[in-house]
Amino acid sequence: MKKRLISILSLITAFTIILAGCSSSNTESTTSDSNSGSKDEITLYTIQSTTPGFEEWVKEAEEKSGVKINWVAAPTDSDTRQQKVSTILSSGDASVDILEINDEMATSFKNTGWLEPLQDTVLTDDITSQFPQGYMKDMLTTTNGDVIGVPGYSGYLALWVDQKKLDEAGMTSIENEEDFVKFLKATTKDGQYGYGGSWEKTYVFNEIATFVNLFGGDYYDWTNEGSRKAVKFMYDMANTWKVTPVDQLADKYEQMNQKFIDGKYGMVFMWGTGNDYREANRYGDDQIHMINMPKFEKRAIFTDSWSYVLNTSSKNKEAAEKFLKYVASEEGGLSGWKNFNRYPARADVAKNEAVTSDVKEVYTQIQETSEINGRPMLPQTMEFINEMGTLFHNYIQDKITLDEFCAKAQEAVDKYK
């Protein structure tokens, strides 16, 4: 019995020593980290975790920034993701330091005080000047003038043409409004149309705003003559010249793009760098390809992006700023290109010889000649988009006049601003 008791006591003592040793080890590690400055550690809330190049990107980012990166995968569903990000930021949750947010979230959150201003620490003038100025102002600048995000890439809503149809029309380019209309009319025949649009009510704001910019208008001012000209031009395409079909009021990008691939349209506005066209064997200089934006009143184009932002509640701001300086740098932009195939948002990085792409020439043209903007969004983004889309549908279908459309559109802007 005594031996058994001694054995039990010995086991308990040994176990206690082991536990004490483990506790001591953790304490020493924490103290060591604190003393050595290796406490540089952040948590990133990311959409990229399932992308094939993600692990390599994280490794490079850690090496170059000197920051250990823990990460949390964002939900894939957009509504769930936005709600989750909203909850993190609004509740003062400090478990996440850096978040990737899209344009909708940037619009919703940039004026809330939940995101740390970066112009004095990360986005200094020499860095900011290389990003698209219109986009930075529209999407990532607060009403107080603070800049709250680092764009991860540039992705244009560009003009794509079917070169075969351009050749058939006896044209070599589409440089201005006159060329645009000429191509529209020359290509509309035999059940085919000069222009195809994604005019479903939650998509069409992209194209309305594109034409508003081309005509020198203002999407938030429907007394502006350029804004009126833009929607009148779209009405004329569908109803006066009949160079685009009214039934595309039901089409989203998937439907419109397939029709373009099938040869129904001469040109479309589309995001991306042409992967759908490549997969359909319809991509190339002699088939479907991107061209520079034509000049109406001006050359103008939209870019979208996902941007890196700093949670105001972060307890690791110094480390977070090191990470942000890296992603905003030339090395960071090149790493995004190499690992994610995301076209660099910085113009100087895009010119780097390491960026090799068949869209590089036209992207460079766009960067050098066009006003690059962020899409017009208000804090209640989807409500605003839906209302503007419904009004546009009513106008195209002759349910309301141009004057009525503009008056009601201004009411929508004022309501959601």
Protein backbone atom coordinates (compact mmCIF):
# COMPACT_ATOMS: atom_id res chain seq x y z
CA MET A 1 0.00 0.00 0.00
CA LYS A 2 2.82 2.34 0.96
CA LYS A 3 4.66 1.58 -2.26
CA ARG A 4 1.49 2.23 -4.21
CA LEU A 5 0.97 5.56 -2.43
CA ILE A 6 4.57 6.56 -3.08
CA SER A 7 4.18 5.65 -6.75
CA ILE A 8 1.03 7.72 -7.04
CA LEU A 9 2.70 10.66 -5.31
CA SER A 10 5.70 10.32 -7.60
CA LEU A 11 3.48 10.41 -10.67
CA ILE A 12 1.63 13.46 -9.40
CA THR A 13 4.93 15.22 -8.67
CA ALA A 14 6.33 14.37 -12.10
CA PHE A 15 3.15 15.58 -13.82
CA THR A 16 3.25 18.82 -11.85
CA ILE A 17 6.87 19.41 -12.88
CA ILE A 18 5.97 18.81 -16.53
CA LEU A 19 3.08 21.28 -16.31
CA ALA A 20 5.30 23.81 -14.59
CA GLY A 21 7.89 23.35 -17.29
CA CYS A 22 5.31 23.92 -20.04
CA SER A 23 3.95 27.02 -18.34
CA SER A 24 7.44 28.37 -17.86
CA SER A 25 8.26 27.71 -21.49
CA ASN A 26 5.21 29.67 -22.72
CA THR A 27 5.99 32.54 -20.39
CA GLU A 28 9.60 32.66 -21.52
CA SER A 29 8.51 32.59 -25.15
CA THR A 30 6.11 35.50 -24.63
CA THR A 31 8.73 37.46 -22.74
CA SER A 32 11.31 36.72 -25.39
CA ASP A 33 8.94 37.86 -28.16
CA SER A 34 8.20 41.04 -26.30
CA ASN A 35 11.85 41.82 -25.67
CA SER A 36 13.10 40.94 -29.14
CA GLY A 37 10.41 42.82 -31.04
CA SER A 38 9.25 39.64 -32.79
CA LYS A 39 5.78 40.43 -31.54
CA ASP A 40 5.01 41.70 -35.07
CA GLU A 41 2.01 39.56 -35.75
CA ILE A 42 -1.37 40.26 -37.34
CA THR A 43 -4.57 38.48 -38.24
CA LEU A 44 -5.83 38.98 -41.78
CA TYR A 45 -9.48 38.50 -42.76
CA THR A 46 -9.16 37.35 -46.36
CA ILE A 47 -11.07 36.27 -49.44
CA GLN A 48 -7.97 34.69 -51.00
CA SER A 49 -7.42 31.64 -48.79
CA THR A 50 -8.69 29.14 -51.42
CA THR A 51 -6.72 30.74 -54.26
CA PRO A 52 -3.91 28.37 -55.41
CA GLY A 53 -1.13 30.93 -54.85
CA PHE A 54 -2.25 31.99 -51.38
CA GLU A 55 0.31 30.07 -49.31
CA GLU A 56 3.20 31.36 -51.42
CA TRP A 57 1.79 34.90 -51.20
CA VAL A 58 1.59 34.69 -47.39
CA LYS A 59 5.15 33.36 -47.21
CA GLU A 60 6.48 36.22 -49.35
CA ALA A 61 4.48 38.81 -47.43
CA GLU A 62 5.86 37.54 -44.13
CA GLU A 63 9.45 37.56 -45.41
CA LYS A 64 9.25 41.03 -46.95
CA SER A 65 7.20 42.76 -44.24
CA GLY A 66 8.75 41.05 -41.22
CA VAL A 67 5.26 40.35 -39.91
CA LYS A 68 3.80 36.96 -39.00
CA ILE A 69 0.42 36.62 -40.72
CA ASN A 70 -2.39 34.60 -39.20
CA TRP A 71 -5.48 34.50 -41.34
CA VAL A 72 -9.23 33.92 -41.19
CA ALA A 73 -11.19 32.90 -44.29
CA ALA A 74 -14.09 35.23 -45.14
CA PRO A 75 -17.44 33.63 -46.08
CA THR A 76 -17.94 33.10 -49.82
CA ASP A 77 -21.54 34.37 -49.80
CA SER A 78 -21.42 38.14 -50.34
CA ASP A 79 -24.32 39.04 -48.02
CA THR A 80 -22.98 36.86 -45.20
CA ARG A 81 -19.49 38.27 -45.71
CA GLN A 82 -20.63 41.88 -45.56
CA GLN A 83 -22.68 41.22 -42.43
CA LYS A 84 -19.73 39.49 -40.77
CA VAL A 85 -17.34 42.34 -41.58
CA SER A 86 -19.91 44.84 -40.34
CA THR A 87 -20.21 42.94 -37.06
CA ILE A 88 -16.44 42.75 -36.58
CA LEU A 89 -15.92 46.45 -37.16
CA SER A 90 -18.99 47.85 -35.40
CA SER A 91 -18.49 45.75 -32.26
CA GLY A 92 -14.89 46.83 -31.75
CA ASP A 93 -13.69 43.25 -32.25
CA ALA A 94 -9.88 43.38 -32.07
CA SER A 95 -9.30 39.76 -33.10
CA VAL A 96 -8.87 40.85 -36.74
CA ASP A 97 -6.35 43.53 -37.68
CA ILE A 98 -6.45 43.75 -41.50
CA LEU A 99 -9.52 43.04 -43.64
CA GLU A 100 -10.01 42.73 -47.38
CA ILE A 101 -13.14 44.62 -48.42
CA ASN A 102 -14.81 45.25 -51.76
CA ASP A 103 -16.21 48.50 -53.14
CA GLU A 104 -19.65 47.94 -51.60
CA MET A 105 -18.14 47.51 -48.15
CA ALA A 106 -15.77 50.45 -48.63
CA THR A 107 -18.76 52.65 -49.41
CA SER A 108 -20.68 51.39 -46.39
CA PHE A 109 -17.85 51.60 -43.85
CA LYS A 110 -15.45 54.35 -44.86
CA ASN A 111 -17.25 57.15 -42.98
CA THR A 112 -18.07 55.18 -39.83
CA GLY A 113 -14.79 55.70 -37.97
CA TRP A 114 -14.22 51.93 -37.90
CA LEU A 115 -11.24 52.07 -40.29
CA GLU A 116 -7.87 53.62 -39.53
CA PRO A 117 -6.70 56.55 -41.73
CA LEU A 118 -3.56 55.59 -43.65
CA GLN A 119 -2.37 58.76 -45.39
CA ASP A 120 0.17 59.65 -42.72
CA THR A 121 1.63 56.17 -42.24
CA VAL A 122 1.17 54.02 -45.36
CA LEU A 123 -0.32 55.94 -48.27
CA THR A 124 2.08 58.85 -48.45
CA ASP A 125 1.88 61.14 -51.48
CA ASP A 126 4.59 59.32 -53.46
CA ILE A 127 2.68 56.02 -53.10
CA THR A 128 -0.84 57.39 -53.53
CA SER A 129 0.09 59.23 -56.72
CA GLN A 130 0.67 55.88 -58.45
CA PHE A 131 -2.86 54.60 -57.73
CA PRO A 132 -5.84 55.64 -59.91
CA GLN A 133 -6.78 59.01 -58.47
CA GLY A 134 -10.49 58.90 -59.32
CA TYR A 135 -10.87 55.49 -57.74
CA MET A 136 -9.00 56.53 -54.58
CA LYS A 137 -11.24 59.58 -54.23
CA ASP A 138 -14.51 57.81 -55.00
CA MET A 139 -14.06 54.58 -53.06
CA LEU A 140 -11.36 54.96 -50.41
CA THR A 141 -11.48 58.58 -49.22
CA THR A 142 -13.78 59.69 -46.42
CA THR A 143 -15.80 62.88 -46.28
CA ASN A 144 -13.06 64.21 -43.97
CA GLY A 145 -10.35 63.48 -46.55
CA ASP A 146 -8.89 60.43 -44.81
CA VAL A 147 -7.66 57.59 -47.04
CA ILE A 148 -8.63 54.22 -45.56
CA GLY A 149 -7.54 51.49 -47.98
CA VAL A 150 -4.81 50.05 -50.20
CA PRO A 151 -6.23 48.76 -53.52
CA GLY A 152 -5.23 45.17 -54.25
CA TYR A 153 -5.52 45.38 -58.05
CA SER A 154 -7.10 47.17 -61.01
CA GLY A 155 -9.91 45.50 -62.95
CA TYR A 156 -11.54 47.59 -65.64
CA LEU A 157 -15.09 47.62 -66.94
CA ALA A 158 -13.64 47.90 -70.41
CA LEU A 159 -14.95 48.00 -73.97
CA TRP A 160 -14.59 44.71 -75.83
CA VAL A 161 -15.13 44.41 -79.60
CA ASP A 162 -15.53 41.58 -82.06
CA GLN A 163 -12.73 42.31 -84.54
CA LYS A 164 -14.45 40.38 -87.35
CA LYS A 165 -17.41 42.73 -87.14
CA LEU A 166 -15.12 45.76 -86.97
CA ASP A 167 -13.41 44.55 -90.17
CA GLU A 168 -16.76 43.95 -91.85
CA ALA A 169 -17.77 47.52 -91.00
CA GLY A 170 -14.61 48.77 -92.72
CA MET A 171 -13.33 50.32 -89.50
CA THR A 172 -9.95 50.09 -87.82
CA SER A 173 -10.80 51.59 -84.44
CA ILE A 174 -13.48 53.20 -82.26
CA GLU A 175 -11.95 56.46 -81.09
CA ASN A 176 -14.92 58.71 -80.33
CA GLU A 177 -18.71 58.99 -80.12
CA GLU A 178 -19.04 59.25 -83.90
CA ASP A 179 -17.10 55.99 -84.40
CA PHE A 180 -19.12 54.32 -81.65
CA VAL A 181 -22.46 55.17 -83.30
CA LYS A 182 -21.15 54.29 -86.76
CA PHE A 183 -20.12 50.83 -85.56
CA LEU A 184 -23.45 50.37 -83.76
CA LYS A 185 -25.44 50.99 -86.92
CA ALA A 186 -23.13 49.15 -89.32
CA THR A 187 -23.18 45.99 -87.20
CA THR A 188 -26.93 45.83 -86.56
CA LYS A 189 -28.42 43.47 -89.13
CA ASP A 190 -29.78 39.95 -89.57
CA GLY A 191 -30.77 39.56 -85.92
CA GLN A 192 -27.41 40.81 -84.70
CA TYR A 193 -26.81 44.05 -82.82
CA GLY A 194 -24.02 46.60 -82.54
CA TYR A 195 -24.15 46.70 -78.76
CA GLY A 196 -25.00 44.26 -76.00
CA GLY A 197 -25.61 45.28 -72.41
CA SER A 198 -26.20 43.73 -69.00
CA TRP A 199 -29.34 45.71 -68.34
CA GLU A 200 -30.93 43.64 -65.57
CA LYS A 201 -31.97 46.15 -62.90
CA THR A 202 -29.23 45.29 -60.39
CA TYR A 203 -26.50 45.31 -63.06
CA VAL A 204 -27.38 48.20 -65.35
CA PHE A 205 -26.07 50.94 -63.03
CA ASN A 206 -22.55 49.97 -64.19
CA GLU A 207 -23.39 50.90 -67.77
CA ILE A 208 -25.54 53.92 -66.98
CA ALA A 209 -22.65 55.32 -64.94
CA THR A 210 -20.16 54.44 -67.68
CA PHE A 211 -22.09 56.49 -70.26
CA VAL A 212 -22.63 59.28 -67.71
CA ASN A 213 -18.86 59.54 -67.29
CA LEU A 214 -18.20 59.40 -71.05
CA PHE A 215 -20.64 62.27 -71.57
CA GLY A 216 -19.02 64.28 -68.78
CA GLY A 217 -21.98 63.96 -66.43
CA ASP A 218 -22.37 63.27 -62.74
CA TYR A 219 -24.27 60.19 -61.52
CA TYR A 220 -25.28 62.07 -58.39
CA ASP A 221 -26.58 65.12 -60.30
CA TRP A 222 -29.47 64.50 -62.70
CA THR A 223 -29.80 68.17 -63.59
CA ASN A 224 -26.39 67.82 -65.25
CA GLU A 225 -26.74 67.88 -69.04
CA GLY A 226 -24.11 65.18 -69.46
CA SER A 227 -26.11 62.83 -67.22
CA ARG A 228 -29.26 63.44 -69.23
CA LYS A 229 -27.42 62.89 -72.52
CA ALA A 230 -26.10 59.55 -71.27
CA VAL A 231 -29.48 57.95 -70.54
CA LYS A 232 -30.99 59.51 -73.67
CA PHE A 233 -28.17 57.87 -75.65
CA MET A 234 -29.00 54.49 -74.11
CA TYR A 235 -32.70 55.03 -74.87
CA ASP A 236 -31.85 55.86 -78.49
CA MET A 237 -29.72 52.72 -78.81
CA ALA A 238 -32.70 50.58 -77.80
CA ASN A 239 -35.67 52.48 -79.20
CA THR A 240 -34.65 55.04 -81.82
CA TRP A 241 -31.74 53.36 -83.64
CA LYS A 242 -32.65 49.83 -82.44
CA VAL A 243 -28.98 48.84 -82.29
CA THR A 244 -29.37 47.01 -78.98
CA PRO A 245 -32.29 44.76 -77.97
CA VAL A 246 -34.86 45.85 -75.40
CA ASP A 247 -35.17 42.26 -74.16
CA GLN A 248 -31.69 42.53 -72.59
CA LEU A 249 -33.43 44.26 -69.67
CA ALA A 250 -33.46 40.73 -68.23
CA ASP A 251 -29.77 39.97 -68.93
CA LYS A 252 -26.99 39.79 -66.36
CA TYR A 253 -23.34 39.37 -67.36
CA GLU A 254 -23.65 35.62 -67.87
CA GLN A 255 -26.44 35.90 -70.46
CA MET A 256 -25.01 38.95 -72.21
CA ASN A 257 -21.52 37.50 -72.40
CA GLN A 258 -22.67 34.21 -73.90
CA LYS A 259 -24.57 36.08 -76.61
CA PHE A 260 -21.44 38.10 -77.34
CA ILE A 261 -19.40 34.90 -77.67
CA ASP A 262 -22.10 33.53 -79.98
CA GLY A 263 -21.70 36.54 -82.30
CA LYS A 264 -24.93 38.37 -81.51
CA TYR A 265 -23.21 41.64 -80.53
CA GLY A 266 -20.46 43.81 -81.97
CA MET A 267 -19.26 45.24 -78.67
CA VAL A 268 -19.95 45.09 -74.94
CA PHE A 269 -18.70 46.54 -71.67
CA MET A 270 -17.26 43.72 -69.58
CA TRP A 271 -15.09 43.18 -66.51
CA GLY A 272 -11.97 41.04 -66.45
CA THR A 273 -9.21 40.11 -68.85
CA GLY A 274 -11.12 37.80 -71.18
CA ASN A 275 -11.02 34.35 -69.58
CA ASP A 276 -14.51 33.45 -70.83
CA TYR A 277 -13.48 34.34 -74.37
CA ARG A 278 -10.31 32.28 -74.12
CA GLU A 279 -12.23 29.26 -72.89
CA ALA A 280 -14.64 29.61 -75.81
CA ASN A 281 -11.77 29.98 -78.33
CA ARG A 282 -13.07 33.43 -79.20
CA TYR A 283 -10.23 35.50 -77.78
CA GLY A 284 -7.57 37.28 -79.83
CA ASP A 285 -6.63 40.30 -81.92
CA ASP A 286 -8.62 38.85 -84.82
CA GLN A 287 -11.61 37.91 -82.65
CA ILE A 288 -12.85 39.34 -79.32
CA HIS A 289 -10.44 41.70 -77.57
CA MET A 290 -10.32 44.76 -75.33
CA ILE A 291 -9.78 48.25 -76.76
CA ASN A 292 -9.12 51.63 -75.22
CA MET A 293 -12.16 53.63 -74.15
CA PRO A 294 -13.45 55.97 -76.86
CA LYS A 295 -13.59 59.68 -76.16
CA PHE A 296 -17.08 61.20 -76.08
CA GLU A 297 -16.86 64.35 -73.95
CA LYS A 298 -13.92 62.58 -72.27
CA ARG A 299 -12.33 59.15 -71.91
CA ALA A 300 -13.46 57.56 -68.66
CA ILE A 301 -13.56 54.06 -67.23
CA PHE A 302 -14.42 52.27 -64.00
CA THR A 303 -12.13 50.01 -62.05
CA ASP A 304 -13.10 47.82 -59.16
CA SER A 305 -10.85 46.37 -56.50
CA TRP A 306 -10.66 44.59 -53.19
CA SER A 307 -8.72 46.74 -50.75
CA TYR A 308 -6.78 46.13 -47.55
CA VAL A 309 -8.03 48.17 -44.58
CA LEU A 310 -6.92 48.50 -40.95
CA ASN A 311 -9.41 47.87 -38.16
CA THR A 312 -9.41 50.89 -35.82
CA SER A 313 -9.80 48.49 -32.89
CA SER A 314 -6.61 46.59 -33.78
CA LYS A 315 -4.10 46.14 -30.96
CA ASN A 316 -1.32 45.49 -33.49
CA LYS A 317 -1.37 48.67 -35.56
CA GLU A 318 2.39 49.00 -35.88
CA ALA A 319 2.67 45.49 -37.32
CA ALA A 320 -0.43 46.04 -39.45
CA GLU A 321 1.10 49.17 -40.95
CA LYS A 322 4.24 47.22 -41.85
CA PHE A 323 2.06 44.73 -43.70
CA LEU A 324 0.12 47.49 -45.46
CA LYS A 325 3.33 49.22 -46.54
CA TYR A 326 4.37 45.94 -48.11
CA VAL A 327 1.13 45.36 -50.08
CA ALA A 328 1.24 48.99 -51.21
CA SER A 329 4.84 48.62 -52.41
CA GLU A 330 6.24 47.54 -55.77
CA GLU A 331 7.14 44.13 -54.34
CA GLY A 332 3.64 43.72 -52.95
CA GLY A 333 2.00 44.61 -56.24
CA LEU A 334 4.23 42.20 -58.15
CA SER A 335 3.49 39.42 -55.66
CA GLY A 336 -0.25 39.95 -56.16
CA TRP A 337 0.28 39.67 -59.90
CA LYS A 338 2.46 36.57 -59.65
CA ASN A 339 0.38 34.63 -57.14
CA PHE A 340 -3.19 35.81 -57.81
CA ASN A 341 -2.94 37.08 -61.40
CA ARG A 342 -4.34 40.42 -60.19
CA TYR A 343 -3.29 43.32 -62.41
CA PRO A 344 -1.30 45.86 -60.34
CA ALA A 345 -3.24 48.94 -59.25
CA ARG A 346 -0.07 51.04 -59.16
CA ALA A 347 0.72 52.41 -62.62
CA ASP A 348 4.49 52.21 -62.10
CA VAL A 349 4.25 48.58 -60.97
CA ALA A 350 2.06 47.69 -63.96
CA LYS A 351 4.86 48.91 -66.25
CA ASN A 352 7.37 46.56 -64.64
CA GLU A 353 8.79 44.02 -67.10
CA ALA A 354 7.76 41.22 -64.73
CA VAL A 355 4.12 42.01 -65.58
CA THR A 356 3.60 40.15 -68.83
CA SER A 357 0.07 39.93 -70.15
CA ASP A 358 -1.72 40.18 -73.45
CA VAL A 359 -3.86 42.99 -71.97
CA LYS A 360 -0.84 44.97 -70.78
CA GLU A 361 -0.71 47.22 -73.84
CA VAL A 362 -4.35 48.25 -73.65
CA TYR A 363 -4.27 48.50 -69.84
CA THR A 364 -1.33 50.87 -70.19
CA GLN A 365 -3.24 52.90 -72.77
CA ILE A 366 -6.19 53.13 -70.40
CA GLN A 367 -4.01 54.15 -67.45
CA GLU A 368 -2.32 56.85 -69.53
CA THR A 369 -5.34 58.30 -71.33
CA SER A 370 -8.50 57.68 -69.31
CA GLU A 371 -10.01 59.08 -66.16
CA ILE A 372 -10.22 56.03 -63.88
CA ASN A 373 -13.10 56.13 -61.41
CA GLY A 374 -14.74 54.07 -58.74
CA ARG A 375 -18.34 53.09 -59.31
CA PRO A 376 -21.05 55.39 -57.90
CA MET A 377 -22.26 53.79 -54.69
CA LEU A 378 -24.01 55.12 -51.63
CA PRO A 379 -24.06 53.61 -48.12
CA GLN A 380 -27.36 51.80 -48.80
CA THR A 381 -25.81 50.38 -51.93
CA MET A 382 -28.27 47.69 -53.04
CA GLU A 383 -31.35 49.80 -52.31
CA PHE A 384 -29.93 52.60 -54.45
CA ILE A 385 -28.89 50.24 -57.25
CA ASN A 386 -32.33 48.59 -57.33
CA GLU A 387 -34.20 51.86 -57.44
CA MET A 388 -32.04 53.30 -60.22
CA GLY A 389 -32.40 50.07 -62.21
CA THR A 390 -36.18 50.09 -61.89
CA LEU A 391 -36.37 53.72 -63.01
CA PHE A 392 -34.15 52.96 -66.01
CA HIS A 393 -36.35 50.01 -67.02
CA ASN A 394 -39.42 52.22 -66.82
CA TYR A 395 -37.74 54.84 -69.01
CA ILE A 396 -36.54 52.37 -71.66
CA GLN A 397 -40.03 50.85 -71.80
CA ASP A 398 -41.64 54.31 -72.23
CA LYS A 399 -43.43 54.13 -68.88
CA ILE A 400 -41.84 57.44 -67.85
CA THR A 401 -40.27 60.32 -69.78
CA LEU A 402 -36.64 61.47 -69.66
CA ASP A 403 -37.62 64.39 -67.43
CA GLU A 404 -39.47 62.05 -65.08
CA PHE A 405 -36.52 59.66 -64.98
CA CYS A 406 -34.08 62.44 -64.09
CA ALA A 407 -36.37 63.88 -61.41
CA LYS A 408 -36.93 60.50 -59.78
CA ALA A 409 -33.24 59.57 -60.10
CA GLN A 410 -32.32 62.75 -58.21
CA GLU A 411 -34.85 61.87 -55.52
CA ALA A 412 -33.17 58.46 -55.18
CA VAL A 413 -29.73 60.07 -54.84
CA ASP A 414 -30.99 62.47 -52.19
CA LYS A 415 -32.77 59.68 -50.29
CA TYR A 416 -29.79 57.33 -50.07
CA LYS A 417 -26.90 59.80 -49.87
